[in-house]
């Protein structure tokens, strides 16, 4: 039979991936926004929309495949958690670095 990957490993990998992607990109875009004089609220809204789009494939898979969607549910949970943590703490770090 196929290999079985536990849910918690899928969830953790997705969370760390989303945390790194959104955390690093949020800091970089805060620096760019500061340099160009853009409003930081616009950057924040764009990243919330990007986080929602980032989770759409797993949400679609979860809604269309009712049976056997264990991996999609775990990956969706991980992506949502990682993106939420990144979008909460990245502005704090950007503020400490002087970009906000």
PDB file of N, CA and C in Angstrom:
ATOM      1  N   UNK A   1       0.833  -1.181   0.000  1.00  0.00           N
ATOM      2  CA  UNK A   1       0.000   0.000   0.000  1.00  0.00           C
ATOM      3  C   UNK A   1       0.878   1.246   0.000  1.00  0.00           C
ATOM      4  N   UNK A   2       0.255   2.410  -0.133  1.00  0.00           N
ATOM      5  CA  UNK A   2       0.977   3.680  -0.161  1.00  0.00           C
ATOM      6  C   UNK A   2       1.459   4.084   1.224  1.00  0.00           C
ATOM      7  N   UNK A   3       2.316   5.018   1.226  1.00  0.00           N
ATOM      8  CA  UNK A   3       2.840   5.515   2.486  1.00  0.00           C
ATOM      9  C   UNK A   3       1.815   6.430   3.127  1.00  0.00           C
ATOM     10  N   UNK A   4       1.791   6.415   4.436  1.00  0.00           N
ATOM     11  CA  UNK A   4       0.853   7.223   5.203  1.00  0.00           C
ATOM     12  C   UNK A   4       1.630   8.324   5.913  1.00  0.00           C
ATOM     13  N   UNK A   5       1.272   9.568   5.642  1.00  0.00           N
ATOM     14  CA  UNK A   5       1.890  10.710   6.312  1.00  0.00           C
ATOM     15  C   UNK A   5       0.879  11.225   7.337  1.00  0.00           C
ATOM     16  N   UNK A   6       1.287  11.323   8.599  1.00  0.00           N
ATOM     17  CA  UNK A   6       0.357  11.800   9.633  1.00  0.00           C
ATOM     18  C   UNK A   6      -0.100  13.240   9.378  1.00  0.00           C
ATOM     19  N   UNK A   7      -1.304  13.530   9.830  1.00  0.00           N
ATOM     20  CA  UNK A   7      -1.883  14.857   9.642  1.00  0.00           C
ATOM     21  C   UNK A   7      -1.028  15.957  10.243  1.00  0.00           C
ATOM     22  N   UNK A   8      -0.470  15.702  11.411  1.00  0.00           N
ATOM     23  CA  UNK A   8       0.274  16.758  12.078  1.00  0.00           C
ATOM     24  C   UNK A   8       1.517  17.169  11.288  1.00  0.00           C
ATOM     25  N   UNK A   9       2.121  16.234  10.541  1.00  0.00           N
ATOM     26  CA  UNK A   9       3.272  16.592   9.715  1.00  0.00           C
ATOM     27  C   UNK A   9       2.865  17.462   8.534  1.00  0.00           C
ATOM     28  N   UNK A  10       1.747  17.150   7.917  1.00  0.00           N
ATOM     29  CA  UNK A  10       1.235  17.964   6.817  1.00  0.00           C
ATOM     30  C   UNK A  10       0.883  19.355   7.334  1.00  0.00           C
ATOM     31  N   UNK A  11       0.204  19.408   8.478  1.00  0.00           N
ATOM     32  CA  UNK A  11      -0.216  20.668   9.077  1.00  0.00           C
ATOM     33  C   UNK A  11       0.995  21.538   9.439  1.00  0.00           C
ATOM     34  N   UNK A  12       2.004  20.931  10.054  1.00  0.00           N
ATOM     35  CA  UNK A  12       3.189  21.680  10.462  1.00  0.00           C
ATOM     36  C   UNK A  12       3.965  22.195   9.256  1.00  0.00           C
ATOM     37  N   UNK A  13       4.105  21.375   8.232  1.00  0.00           N
ATOM     38  CA  UNK A  13       4.841  21.800   7.040  1.00  0.00           C
ATOM     39  C   UNK A  13       4.117  22.960   6.350  1.00  0.00           C
ATOM     40  N   UNK A  14       2.825  22.885   6.241  1.00  0.00           N
ATOM     41  CA  UNK A  14       2.062  23.962   5.615  1.00  0.00           C
ATOM     42  C   UNK A  14       2.123  25.241   6.453  1.00  0.00           C
ATOM     43  N   UNK A  15       2.071  25.093   7.766  1.00  0.00           N
ATOM     44  CA  UNK A  15       2.130  26.264   8.648  1.00  0.00           C
ATOM     45  C   UNK A  15       3.486  26.954   8.559  1.00  0.00           C
ATOM     46  N   UNK A  16       4.552  26.193   8.584  1.00  0.00           N
ATOM     47  CA  UNK A  16       5.893  26.786   8.489  1.00  0.00           C
ATOM     48  C   UNK A  16       6.094  27.434   7.126  1.00  0.00           C
ATOM     49  N   UNK A  17       5.627  26.798   6.075  1.00  0.00           N
ATOM     50  CA  UNK A  17       5.739  27.384   4.744  1.00  0.00           C
ATOM     51  C   UNK A  17       5.006  28.714   4.633  1.00  0.00           C
ATOM     52  N   UNK A  18       3.778  28.759   5.109  1.00  0.00           N
ATOM     53  CA  UNK A  18       3.002  29.998   5.061  1.00  0.00           C
ATOM     54  C   UNK A  18       3.614  31.059   5.967  1.00  0.00           C
ATOM     55  N   UNK A  19       4.118  30.649   7.114  1.00  0.00           N
ATOM     56  CA  UNK A  19       4.745  31.588   8.045  1.00  0.00           C
ATOM     57  C   UNK A  19       5.961  32.245   7.410  1.00  0.00           C
ATOM     58  N   UNK A  20       6.789  31.458   6.770  1.00  0.00           N
ATOM     59  CA  UNK A  20       7.994  32.001   6.136  1.00  0.00           C
ATOM     60  C   UNK A  20       7.627  32.879   4.944  1.00  0.00           C
ATOM     61  N   UNK A  21       6.758  32.385   4.085  1.00  0.00           N
ATOM     62  CA  UNK A  21       6.396  33.149   2.882  1.00  0.00           C
ATOM     63  C   UNK A  21       5.783  34.491   3.253  1.00  0.00           C
ATOM     64  N   UNK A  22       4.768  34.482   4.088  1.00  0.00           N
ATOM     65  CA  UNK A  22       4.072  35.722   4.397  1.00  0.00           C
ATOM     66  C   UNK A  22       4.850  36.600   5.361  1.00  0.00           C
ATOM     67  N   UNK A  23       5.606  36.026   6.267  1.00  0.00           N
ATOM     68  CA  UNK A  23       6.411  36.826   7.183  1.00  0.00           C
ATOM     69  C   UNK A  23       7.513  37.578   6.462  1.00  0.00           C
ATOM     70  N   UNK A  24       8.276  36.879   5.649  1.00  0.00           N
ATOM     71  CA  UNK A  24       9.390  37.507   4.932  1.00  0.00           C
ATOM     72  C   UNK A  24       8.886  38.503   3.894  1.00  0.00           C
ATOM     73  N   UNK A  25       7.891  38.100   3.118  1.00  0.00           N
ATOM     74  CA  UNK A  25       7.372  39.016   2.101  1.00  0.00           C
ATOM     75  C   UNK A  25       6.731  40.252   2.710  1.00  0.00           C
ATOM     76  N   UNK A  26       6.089  40.110   3.850  1.00  0.00           N
ATOM     77  CA  UNK A  26       5.454  41.261   4.517  1.00  0.00           C
ATOM     78  C   UNK A  26       6.500  42.265   4.975  1.00  0.00           C
ATOM     79  N   UNK A  27       7.624  41.792   5.490  1.00  0.00           N
ATOM     80  CA  UNK A  27       8.703  42.682   5.915  1.00  0.00           C
ATOM     81  C   UNK A  27       9.317  43.381   4.689  1.00  0.00           C
ATOM     82  N   UNK A  28       9.540  42.629   3.624  1.00  0.00           N
ATOM     83  CA  UNK A  28      10.119  43.216   2.413  1.00  0.00           C
ATOM     84  C   UNK A  28       9.184  44.273   1.824  1.00  0.00           C
ATOM     85  N   UNK A  29       7.887  43.957   1.755  1.00  0.00           N
ATOM     86  CA  UNK A  29       6.955  44.912   1.190  1.00  0.00           C
ATOM     87  C   UNK A  29       6.737  46.111   2.103  1.00  0.00           C
ATOM     88  N   UNK A  30       6.916  45.957   3.405  1.00  0.00           N
ATOM     89  CA  UNK A  30       6.845  47.110   4.310  1.00  0.00           C
ATOM     90  C   UNK A  30       8.005  48.057   4.031  1.00  0.00           C
ATOM     91  N   UNK A  31       9.183  47.506   3.763  1.00  0.00           N
ATOM     92  CA  UNK A  31      10.339  48.341   3.438  1.00  0.00           C
ATOM     93  C   UNK A  31      10.128  49.064   2.111  1.00  0.00           C
ATOM     94  N   UNK A  32       9.586  48.367   1.117  1.00  0.00           N
ATOM     95  CA  UNK A  32       9.321  48.985  -0.183  1.00  0.00           C
ATOM     96  C   UNK A  32       8.252  50.070  -0.042  1.00  0.00           C
ATOM     97  N   UNK A  33       7.206  49.789   0.715  1.00  0.00           N
ATOM     98  CA  UNK A  33       6.133  50.765   0.920  1.00  0.00           C
ATOM     99  C   UNK A  33       6.658  51.999   1.646  1.00  0.00           C
ATOM    100  N   UNK A  34       7.519  51.801   2.622  1.00  0.00           N
ATOM    101  CA  UNK A  34       8.111  52.921   3.354  1.00  0.00           C
ATOM    102  C   UNK A  34       8.972  53.759   2.419  1.00  0.00           C
ATOM    103  N   UNK A  35       9.738  53.122   1.572  1.00  0.00           N
ATOM    104  CA  UNK A  35      10.634  53.816   0.656  1.00  0.00           C
ATOM    105  C   UNK A  35       9.861  54.615  -0.391  1.00  0.00           C
ATOM    106  N   UNK A  36       8.750  54.089  -0.853  1.00  0.00           N
ATOM    107  CA  UNK A  36       7.976  54.755  -1.908  1.00  0.00           C
ATOM    108  C   UNK A  36       6.857  55.639  -1.373  1.00  0.00           C
ATOM    109  N   UNK A  37       6.645  55.635  -0.060  1.00  0.00           N
ATOM    110  CA  UNK A  37       5.619  56.489   0.525  1.00  0.00           C
ATOM    111  C   UNK A  37       4.213  55.951   0.440  1.00  0.00           C
ATOM    112  N   UNK A  38       4.072  54.653   0.247  1.00  0.00           N
ATOM    113  CA  UNK A  38       2.742  54.053   0.192  1.00  0.00           C
ATOM    114  C   UNK A  38       2.171  53.929   1.598  1.00  0.00           C
ATOM    115  N   UNK A  39       0.860  53.860   1.670  1.00  0.00           N
ATOM    116  CA  UNK A  39       0.212  53.637   2.962  1.00  0.00           C
ATOM    117  C   UNK A  39       0.366  52.176   3.356  1.00  0.00           C
ATOM    118  N   UNK A  40       0.698  51.959   4.608  1.00  0.00           N
ATOM    119  CA  UNK A  40       0.928  50.595   5.078  1.00  0.00           C
ATOM    120  C   UNK A  40      -0.390  49.818   5.163  1.00  0.00           C
ATOM    121  N   UNK A  41      -1.507  50.516   5.296  1.00  0.00           N
ATOM    122  CA  UNK A  41      -2.801  49.823   5.340  1.00  0.00           C
ATOM    123  C   UNK A  41      -3.112  49.153   4.006  1.00  0.00           C
ATOM    124  N   UNK A  42      -2.652  49.748   2.910  1.00  0.00           N
ATOM    125  CA  UNK A  42      -2.838  49.137   1.593  1.00  0.00           C
ATOM    126  C   UNK A  42      -2.043  47.837   1.487  1.00  0.00           C
ATOM    127  N   UNK A  43      -0.813  47.856   1.991  1.00  0.00           N
ATOM    128  CA  UNK A  43       0.012  46.645   1.995  1.00  0.00           C
ATOM    129  C   UNK A  43      -0.648  45.558   2.838  1.00  0.00           C
ATOM    130  N   UNK A  44      -1.177  45.944   3.979  1.00  0.00           N
ATOM    131  CA  UNK A  44      -1.833  44.975   4.869  1.00  0.00           C
ATOM    132  C   UNK A  44      -3.042  44.339   4.196  1.00  0.00           C
ATOM    133  N   UNK A  45      -3.853  45.137   3.531  1.00  0.00           N
ATOM    134  CA  UNK A  45      -5.033  44.609   2.841  1.00  0.00           C
ATOM    135  C   UNK A  45      -4.637  43.666   1.700  1.00  0.00           C
ATOM    136  N   UNK A  46      -3.580  44.022   0.990  1.00  0.00           N
ATOM    137  CA  UNK A  46      -3.104  43.154  -0.094  1.00  0.00           C
ATOM    138  C   UNK A  46      -2.618  41.811   0.440  1.00  0.00           C
ATOM    139  N   UNK A  47      -1.957  41.817   1.587  1.00  0.00           N
ATOM    140  CA  UNK A  47      -1.472  40.562   2.138  1.00  0.00           C
ATOM    141  C   UNK A  47      -2.593  39.706   2.721  1.00  0.00           C
ATOM    142  N   UNK A  48      -3.624  40.319   3.236  1.00  0.00           N
ATOM    143  CA  UNK A  48      -4.776  39.543   3.694  1.00  0.00           C
ATOM    144  C   UNK A  48      -5.452  38.864   2.501  1.00  0.00           C
ATOM    145  N   UNK A  49      -5.583  39.605   1.401  1.00  0.00           N
ATOM    146  CA  UNK A  49      -6.159  39.020   0.182  1.00  0.00           C
ATOM    147  C   UNK A  49      -5.261  37.914  -0.370  1.00  0.00           C
ATOM    148  N   UNK A  50      -3.948  38.113  -0.336  1.00  0.00           N
ATOM    149  CA  UNK A  50      -3.021  37.092  -0.813  1.00  0.00           C
ATOM    150  C   UNK A  50      -3.082  35.834   0.051  1.00  0.00           C
ATOM    151  N   UNK A  51      -3.238  36.007   1.351  1.00  0.00           N
ATOM    152  CA  UNK A  51      -3.359  34.851   2.248  1.00  0.00           C
ATOM    153  C   UNK A  51      -4.637  34.076   1.955  1.00  0.00           C
ATOM    154  N   UNK A  52      -5.702  34.791   1.667  1.00  0.00           N
ATOM    155  CA  UNK A  52      -6.954  34.114   1.322  1.00  0.00           C
ATOM    156  C   UNK A  52      -6.801  33.332   0.012  1.00  0.00           C
ATOM    157  N   UNK A  53      -6.172  33.944  -0.975  1.00  0.00           N
ATOM    158  CA  UNK A  53      -5.943  33.248  -2.250  1.00  0.00           C
ATOM    159  C   UNK A  53      -4.999  32.062  -2.095  1.00  0.00           C
ATOM    160  N   UNK A  54      -4.058  32.167  -1.176  1.00  0.00           N
ATOM    161  CA  UNK A  54      -3.104  31.091  -0.913  1.00  0.00           C
ATOM    162  C   UNK A  54      -3.801  29.833  -0.375  1.00  0.00           C
ATOM    163  N   UNK A  55      -4.928  30.028   0.312  1.00  0.00           N
ATOM    164  CA  UNK A  55      -5.653  28.907   0.912  1.00  0.00           C
ATOM    165  C   UNK A  55      -6.776  28.361   0.031  1.00  0.00           C
ATOM    166  N   UNK A  56      -7.074  29.017  -1.072  1.00  0.00           N
ATOM    167  CA  UNK A  56      -8.190  28.622  -1.933  1.00  0.00           C
ATOM    168  C   UNK A  56      -8.059  27.200  -2.500  1.00  0.00           C
ATOM    169  N   UNK A  57      -6.882  26.761  -2.981  1.00  0.00           N
ATOM    170  CA  UNK A  57      -6.831  25.406  -3.563  1.00  0.00           C
ATOM    171  C   UNK A  57      -7.224  24.298  -2.589  1.00  0.00           C
ATOM    172  N   UNK A  58      -6.769  24.390  -1.343  1.00  0.00           N
ATOM    173  CA  UNK A  58      -7.133  23.364  -0.363  1.00  0.00           C
ATOM    174  C   UNK A  58      -8.593  23.478   0.036  1.00  0.00           C
ATOM    175  N   UNK A  59      -9.104  24.690   0.099  1.00  0.00           N
ATOM    176  CA  UNK A  59     -10.521  24.861   0.410  1.00  0.00           C
ATOM    177  C   UNK A  59     -11.380  24.285  -0.702  1.00  0.00           C
ATOM    178  N   UNK A  60     -10.996  24.519  -1.940  1.00  0.00           N
ATOM    179  CA  UNK A  60     -11.733  23.953  -3.081  1.00  0.00           C
ATOM    180  C   UNK A  60     -11.689  22.427  -3.040  1.00  0.00           C
ATOM    181  N   UNK A  61     -10.507  21.875  -2.781  1.00  0.00           N
ATOM    182  CA  UNK A  61     -10.390  20.415  -2.708  1.00  0.00           C
ATOM    183  C   UNK A  61     -11.216  19.843  -1.564  1.00  0.00           C
ATOM    184  N   UNK A  62     -11.222  20.534  -0.449  1.00  0.00           N
ATOM    185  CA  UNK A  62     -11.993  20.081   0.705  1.00  0.00           C
ATOM    186  C   UNK A  62     -13.494  20.114   0.422  1.00  0.00           C
ATOM    187  N   UNK A  63     -13.950  21.124  -0.293  1.00  0.00           N
ATOM    188  CA  UNK A  63     -15.376  21.247  -0.582  1.00  0.00           C
ATOM    189  C   UNK A  63     -15.842  20.317  -1.697  1.00  0.00           C
ATOM    190  N   UNK A  64     -14.959  19.970  -2.619  1.00  0.00           N
ATOM    191  CA  UNK A  64     -15.380  19.123  -3.738  1.00  0.00           C
ATOM    192  C   UNK A  64     -15.204  17.636  -3.466  1.00  0.00           C
ATOM    193  N   UNK A  65     -14.224  17.266  -2.673  1.00  0.00           N
ATOM    194  CA  UNK A  65     -13.978  15.855  -2.371  1.00  0.00           C
ATOM    195  C   UNK A  65     -14.296  15.600  -0.905  1.00  0.00           C
ATOM    196  N   UNK A  66     -15.518  15.213  -0.655  1.00  0.00           N
ATOM    197  CA  UNK A  66     -15.951  15.010   0.728  1.00  0.00           C
ATOM    198  C   UNK A  66     -15.229  13.818   1.350  1.00  0.00           C
ATOM    199  N   UNK A  67     -15.035  12.778   0.596  1.00  0.00           N
ATOM    200  CA  UNK A  67     -14.378  11.587   1.120  1.00  0.00           C
ATOM    201  C   UNK A  67     -12.894  11.621   0.773  1.00  0.00           C
ATOM    202  N   UNK A  68     -12.071  11.282   1.711  1.00  0.00           N
ATOM    203  CA  UNK A  68     -10.638  11.217   1.473  1.00  0.00           C
ATOM    204  C   UNK A  68      -9.955  12.568   1.423  1.00  0.00           C
ATOM    205  N   UNK A  69     -10.524  13.561   2.057  1.00  0.00           N
ATOM    206  CA  UNK A  69      -9.935  14.891   2.036  1.00  0.00           C
ATOM    207  C   UNK A  69      -9.186  15.199   3.328  1.00  0.00           C
ATOM    208  N   UNK A  70      -8.675  14.165   3.956  1.00  0.00           N
ATOM    209  CA  UNK A  70      -7.955  14.318   5.221  1.00  0.00           C
ATOM    210  C   UNK A  70      -6.725  15.182   5.037  1.00  0.00           C
ATOM    211  N   UNK A  71      -5.973  14.969   3.981  1.00  0.00           N
ATOM    212  CA  UNK A  71      -4.753  15.736   3.736  1.00  0.00           C
ATOM    213  C   UNK A  71      -5.081  17.189   3.390  1.00  0.00           C
ATOM    214  N   UNK A  72      -6.151  17.414   2.650  1.00  0.00           N
ATOM    215  CA  UNK A  72      -6.530  18.782   2.293  1.00  0.00           C
ATOM    216  C   UNK A  72      -6.947  19.571   3.523  1.00  0.00           C
ATOM    217  N   UNK A  73      -7.663  18.919   4.426  1.00  0.00           N
ATOM    218  CA  UNK A  73      -8.079  19.603   5.650  1.00  0.00           C
ATOM    219  C   UNK A  73      -6.872  19.961   6.509  1.00  0.00           C
ATOM    220  N   UNK A  74      -5.930  19.049   6.636  1.00  0.00           N
ATOM    221  CA  UNK A  74      -4.736  19.311   7.440  1.00  0.00           C
ATOM    222  C   UNK A  74      -3.895  20.419   6.812  1.00  0.00           C
ATOM    223  N   UNK A  75      -3.756  20.401   5.496  1.00  0.00           N
ATOM    224  CA  UNK A  75      -2.970  21.427   4.823  1.00  0.00           C
ATOM    225  C   UNK A  75      -3.651  22.795   4.908  1.00  0.00           C
ATOM    226  N   UNK A  76      -4.966  22.814   4.791  1.00  0.00           N
ATOM    227  CA  UNK A  76      -5.702  24.069   4.924  1.00  0.00           C
ATOM    228  C   UNK A  76      -5.534  24.641   6.325  1.00  0.00           C
ATOM    229  N   UNK A  77      -5.657  23.798   7.344  1.00  0.00           N
ATOM    230  CA  UNK A  77      -5.466  24.262   8.722  1.00  0.00           C
ATOM    231  C   UNK A  77      -4.069  24.834   8.925  1.00  0.00           C
ATOM    232  N   UNK A  78      -3.069  24.165   8.379  1.00  0.00           N
ATOM    233  CA  UNK A  78      -1.704  24.643   8.515  1.00  0.00           C
ATOM    234  C   UNK A  78      -1.471  25.960   7.808  1.00  0.00           C
ATOM    235  N   UNK A  79      -1.991  26.086   6.594  1.00  0.00           N
ATOM    236  CA  UNK A  79      -1.810  27.324   5.843  1.00  0.00           C
ATOM    237  C   UNK A  79      -2.507  28.496   6.528  1.00  0.00           C
ATOM    238  N   UNK A  80      -3.700  28.268   7.023  1.00  0.00           N
ATOM    239  CA  UNK A  80      -4.435  29.339   7.699  1.00  0.00           C
ATOM    240  C   UNK A  80      -3.705  29.760   8.975  1.00  0.00           C
ATOM    241  N   UNK A  81      -3.253  28.793   9.737  1.00  0.00           N
ATOM    242  CA  UNK A  81      -2.546  29.112  10.985  1.00  0.00           C
ATOM    243  C   UNK A  81      -1.231  29.842  10.707  1.00  0.00           C
ATOM    244  N   UNK A  82      -0.459  29.361   9.759  1.00  0.00           N
ATOM    245  CA  UNK A  82       0.808  30.009   9.438  1.00  0.00           C
ATOM    246  C   UNK A  82       0.636  31.415   8.904  1.00  0.00           C
ATOM    247  N   UNK A  83      -0.321  31.601   8.018  1.00  0.00           N
ATOM    248  CA  UNK A  83      -0.571  32.930   7.467  1.00  0.00           C
ATOM    249  C   UNK A  83      -1.079  33.886   8.542  1.00  0.00           C
ATOM    250  N   UNK A  84      -1.939  33.414   9.425  1.00  0.00           N
ATOM    251  CA  UNK A  84      -2.458  34.266  10.497  1.00  0.00           C
ATOM    252  C   UNK A  84      -1.342  34.688  11.453  1.00  0.00           C
ATOM    253  N   UNK A  85      -0.496  33.761  11.817  1.00  0.00           N
ATOM    254  CA  UNK A  85       0.617  34.092  12.712  1.00  0.00           C
ATOM    255  C   UNK A  85       1.558  35.084  12.043  1.00  0.00           C
ATOM    256  N   UNK A  86       1.885  34.857  10.779  1.00  0.00           N
ATOM    257  CA  UNK A  86       2.793  35.754  10.054  1.00  0.00           C
ATOM    258  C   UNK A  86       2.197  37.147   9.914  1.00  0.00           C
ATOM    259  N   UNK A  87       0.923  37.232   9.560  1.00  0.00           N
ATOM    260  CA  UNK A  87       0.304  38.539   9.362  1.00  0.00           C
ATOM    261  C   UNK A  87       0.049  39.264  10.678  1.00  0.00           C
ATOM    262  N   UNK A  88       0.098  38.541  11.788  1.00  0.00           N
ATOM    263  CA  UNK A  88      -0.027  39.193  13.092  1.00  0.00           C
ATOM    264  C   UNK A  88       1.321  39.723  13.573  1.00  0.00           C
ATOM    265  N   UNK A  89       2.377  38.926  13.433  1.00  0.00           N
ATOM    266  CA  UNK A  89       3.670  39.307  13.986  1.00  0.00           C
ATOM    267  C   UNK A  89       4.558  40.097  13.030  1.00  0.00           C
ATOM    268  N   UNK A  90       4.369  40.015  11.734  1.00  0.00           N
ATOM    269  CA  UNK A  90       5.214  40.740  10.779  1.00  0.00           C
ATOM    270  C   UNK A  90       5.113  42.254  10.936  1.00  0.00           C
ATOM    271  N   UNK A  91       3.928  42.832  11.164  1.00  0.00           N
ATOM    272  CA  UNK A  91       3.891  44.279  11.387  1.00  0.00           C
ATOM    273  C   UNK A  91       4.643  44.705  12.650  1.00  0.00           C
ATOM    274  N   UNK A  92       4.643  43.875  13.652  1.00  0.00           N
ATOM    275  CA  UNK A  92       5.386  44.193  14.879  1.00  0.00           C
ATOM    276  C   UNK A  92       6.880  44.246  14.577  1.00  0.00           C
ATOM    277  N   UNK A  93       7.372  43.266  13.840  1.00  0.00           N
ATOM    278  CA  UNK A  93       8.775  43.242  13.473  1.00  0.00           C
ATOM    279  C   UNK A  93       9.124  44.388  12.524  1.00  0.00           C
ATOM    280  N   UNK A  94       8.257  44.676  11.569  1.00  0.00           N
ATOM    281  CA  UNK A  94       8.500  45.790  10.654  1.00  0.00           C
ATOM    282  C   UNK A  94       8.538  47.113  11.407  1.00  0.00           C
ATOM    283  N   UNK A  95       7.709  47.255  12.419  1.00  0.00           N
ATOM    284  CA  UNK A  95       7.713  48.464  13.235  1.00  0.00           C
ATOM    285  C   UNK A  95       9.023  48.586  14.018  1.00  0.00           C
ATOM    286  N   UNK A  96       9.478  47.467  14.562  1.00  0.00           N
ATOM    287  CA  UNK A  96      10.757  47.461  15.284  1.00  0.00           C
ATOM    288  C   UNK A  96      11.931  47.793  14.372  1.00  0.00           C
ATOM    289  N   UNK A  97      11.844  47.401  13.103  1.00  0.00           N
ATOM    290  CA  UNK A  97      12.894  47.707  12.139  1.00  0.00           C
ATOM    291  C   UNK A  97      12.794  49.140  11.607  1.00  0.00           C
ATOM    292  N   UNK A  98      11.688  49.821  11.908  1.00  0.00           N
ATOM    293  CA  UNK A  98      11.518  51.215  11.512  1.00  0.00           C
ATOM    294  C   UNK A  98      10.828  51.434  10.194  1.00  0.00           C
ATOM    295  N   UNK A  99      10.149  50.427   9.672  1.00  0.00           N
ATOM    296  CA  UNK A  99       9.462  50.565   8.392  1.00  0.00           C
ATOM    297  C   UNK A  99       8.009  50.980   8.533  1.00  0.00           C
ATOM    298  N   UNK A 100       7.486  50.959   9.721  1.00  0.00           N
ATOM    299  CA  UNK A 100       6.084  51.351   9.927  1.00  0.00           C
ATOM    300  C   UNK A 100       5.991  52.393  11.006  1.00  0.00           C
TER     301      UNK A 100
END
